[in-house]
């Protein structure tokens, strides 16, 4: 697999963040920054995104690094809305969208890296252009859209109450 020490740390923290987000999606229908799992997602995503800037199997700054920087802005923006705009019903929509979109974007390089490395010796995909990666990302995009609509509707009910 050929992971550096930074790559191993990045992977462990990233997996923890993904698991934490999935737990929150199952329990609350969103990433909830008031919960331990929401905080694990937030801090884990920041750490994973920043450590990814020191990792590159293709050399130099690449699209994965752009994703990482954008993800940091999304989670920091959501955190700002969560802490500074607590009483704004409209801010909850943007907070939910920012966290969910950061999760979806995190899965793009995750799918690519996982599918081109696992299983060892015979990975699921040869490279980023492999149809299995494109199809998986398409399914994740559809799930993100469905989840976002669900969150929007659920937040509308909460805001009306």
Protein backbone atom coordinates (compact mmCIF):
# COMPACT_ATOMS: atom_id res chain seq x y z
CA UNK A 1 0.00 0.00 0.00
CA UNK A 2 2.98 2.30 0.53
CA UNK A 3 1.63 4.78 3.07
CA UNK A 4 3.97 7.17 4.86
CA UNK A 5 3.63 7.85 8.58
CA UNK A 6 1.69 11.01 7.70
CA UNK A 7 -0.47 8.96 5.33
CA UNK A 8 -1.27 6.43 8.05
CA UNK A 9 -2.15 9.20 10.54
CA UNK A 10 -4.24 10.96 7.87
CA UNK A 11 -6.10 7.73 7.08
CA UNK A 12 -6.86 6.85 10.70
CA UNK A 13 -8.18 10.34 11.51
CA UNK A 14 -10.10 10.45 8.21
CA UNK A 15 -11.81 7.10 8.86
CA UNK A 16 -12.77 8.28 12.36
CA UNK A 17 -14.28 11.46 10.90
CA UNK A 18 -16.26 9.51 8.28
CA UNK A 19 -17.57 7.06 10.88
CA UNK A 20 -18.55 9.95 13.15
CA UNK A 21 -20.44 11.64 10.32
CA UNK A 22 -22.28 8.43 9.42
CA UNK A 23 -23.27 7.99 13.09
CA UNK A 24 -24.70 11.53 13.11
CA UNK A 25 -26.50 11.05 9.79
CA UNK A 26 -28.14 7.91 11.18
CA UNK A 27 -29.04 9.43 14.57
CA UNK A 28 -29.96 12.99 13.57
CA UNK A 29 -30.24 13.11 9.78
CA UNK A 30 -27.37 15.60 9.74
CA UNK A 31 -23.93 16.23 11.19
CA UNK A 32 -24.74 17.69 14.59
CA UNK A 33 -21.92 19.83 15.99
CA UNK A 34 -23.51 19.64 19.46
CA UNK A 35 -22.67 15.93 19.75
CA UNK A 36 -19.39 14.14 20.39
CA UNK A 37 -19.60 12.49 16.97
CA UNK A 38 -20.23 15.89 15.35
CA UNK A 39 -17.16 17.31 17.08
CA UNK A 40 -15.11 14.27 16.02
CA UNK A 41 -16.25 14.90 12.44
CA UNK A 42 -15.39 18.60 12.65
CA UNK A 43 -11.91 18.24 14.16
CA UNK A 44 -11.14 15.04 12.27
CA UNK A 45 -12.06 16.67 8.97
CA UNK A 46 -9.90 19.72 9.68
CA UNK A 47 -6.92 17.51 10.62
CA UNK A 48 -7.45 15.17 7.67
CA UNK A 49 -7.77 18.04 5.21
CA UNK A 50 -4.67 19.78 6.51
CA UNK A 51 -2.58 16.60 6.61
CA UNK A 52 -3.63 15.82 3.03
CA UNK A 53 -1.72 18.92 1.95
CA UNK A 54 1.49 17.10 2.90
CA UNK A 55 0.56 13.98 0.94
CA UNK A 56 0.78 13.50 -2.81
CA UNK A 57 1.38 10.36 -4.78
CA UNK A 58 1.36 12.41 -8.00
CA UNK A 59 3.75 15.12 -6.83
CA UNK A 60 2.96 18.75 -6.16
CA UNK A 61 -0.28 20.61 -5.59
CA UNK A 62 -3.17 18.77 -7.25
CA UNK A 63 -6.99 18.73 -7.37
CA UNK A 64 -7.10 16.68 -4.14
CA UNK A 65 -5.37 19.54 -2.36
CA UNK A 66 -7.93 22.01 -3.75
CA UNK A 67 -10.69 19.76 -2.36
CA UNK A 68 -8.95 19.76 1.03
CA UNK A 69 -8.73 23.55 1.21
CA UNK A 70 -12.36 23.93 0.11
CA UNK A 71 -13.47 21.35 2.69
CA UNK A 72 -11.69 23.30 5.44
CA UNK A 73 -13.56 26.46 4.39
CA UNK A 74 -16.88 24.57 4.35
CA UNK A 75 -16.52 23.11 7.85
CA UNK A 76 -15.17 26.37 9.30
CA UNK A 77 -18.08 28.24 7.70
CA UNK A 78 -20.55 25.74 9.15
CA UNK A 79 -18.88 26.03 12.55
CA UNK A 80 -19.12 29.83 12.37
CA UNK A 81 -22.85 29.59 11.59
CA UNK A 82 -23.31 27.05 14.39
CA UNK A 83 -21.61 29.19 17.03
CA UNK A 84 -22.23 32.79 15.94
CA UNK A 85 -25.67 32.50 14.34
CA UNK A 86 -27.38 30.21 16.85
CA UNK A 87 -30.70 32.06 16.65
CA UNK A 88 -30.87 32.24 12.87
CA UNK A 89 -33.23 29.69 11.36
CA UNK A 90 -31.81 30.41 7.91
CA UNK A 91 -28.25 29.74 9.09
CA UNK A 92 -29.21 26.14 9.97
CA UNK A 93 -29.87 25.42 6.28
CA UNK A 94 -26.40 26.64 5.31
CA UNK A 95 -24.76 24.91 8.27
CA UNK A 96 -26.34 21.58 7.31
CA UNK A 97 -25.49 22.03 3.64
CA UNK A 98 -21.89 23.02 4.37
CA UNK A 99 -21.26 20.03 6.60
CA UNK A 100 -23.00 17.58 4.25
CA UNK A 101 -21.20 18.97 1.21
CA UNK A 102 -17.86 18.75 3.04
CA UNK A 103 -18.66 15.09 3.78
CA UNK A 104 -19.49 14.39 0.14
CA UNK A 105 -16.33 16.14 -1.07
CA UNK A 106 -14.27 14.17 1.45
CA UNK A 107 -15.56 10.98 -0.11
CA UNK A 108 -14.29 11.88 -3.60
CA UNK A 109 -10.55 11.41 -2.86
CA UNK A 110 -11.42 8.70 -0.32
CA UNK A 111 -13.13 6.58 -2.97
CA UNK A 112 -10.33 7.21 -5.46
CA UNK A 113 -7.55 6.33 -3.02
CA UNK A 114 -9.34 3.32 -1.55
CA UNK A 115 -10.41 1.81 -4.87
CA UNK A 116 -6.94 2.20 -6.41
CA UNK A 117 -5.25 0.54 -3.39
CA UNK A 118 -7.65 -2.11 -2.02
CA UNK A 119 -7.55 -5.06 -2.06
CA UNK A 120 -3.78 -5.22 -1.97
CA UNK A 121 -2.29 -6.64 -5.14
CA UNK A 122 -5.57 -6.46 -7.08
CA UNK A 123 -7.25 -3.08 -6.48
CA UNK A 124 -10.85 -2.47 -7.51
CA UNK A 125 -9.78 0.29 -9.94
CA UNK A 126 -6.68 0.89 -12.04
CA UNK A 127 -6.79 4.68 -11.85
CA UNK A 128 -9.11 7.64 -11.32
CA UNK A 129 -10.64 7.15 -14.79
CA UNK A 130 -11.90 3.65 -13.96
CA UNK A 131 -15.70 3.34 -14.37
CA UNK A 132 -16.10 1.78 -10.91
CA UNK A 133 -14.90 5.04 -9.37
CA UNK A 134 -17.14 7.18 -11.57
CA UNK A 135 -20.18 5.00 -10.85
CA UNK A 136 -19.52 5.01 -7.11
CA UNK A 137 -19.16 8.80 -7.08
CA UNK A 138 -22.38 9.12 -9.08
CA UNK A 139 -24.24 7.04 -6.49
CA UNK A 140 -22.73 9.17 -3.70
CA UNK A 141 -23.79 12.35 -5.52
CA UNK A 142 -27.37 11.08 -5.80
CA UNK A 143 -27.33 10.18 -2.09
CA UNK A 144 -25.96 13.64 -1.26
CA UNK A 145 -28.77 15.31 -3.24
CA UNK A 146 -31.45 13.11 -1.64
CA UNK A 147 -29.94 13.69 1.81
CA UNK A 148 -29.79 17.45 1.26
CA UNK A 149 -33.45 17.55 0.26
CA UNK A 150 -34.30 15.50 3.36
CA UNK A 151 -32.28 17.85 5.59
CA UNK A 152 -33.88 20.93 4.01
CA UNK A 153 -37.38 19.57 4.63
CA UNK A 154 -36.56 18.44 8.17
CA UNK A 155 -35.03 21.84 8.96
CA UNK A 156 -38.13 23.57 7.57
CA UNK A 157 -40.27 21.64 10.04
CA UNK A 158 -37.91 22.50 12.90
CA UNK A 159 -37.87 26.17 11.91
CA UNK A 160 -41.68 26.36 11.82
CA UNK A 161 -41.97 24.86 15.31
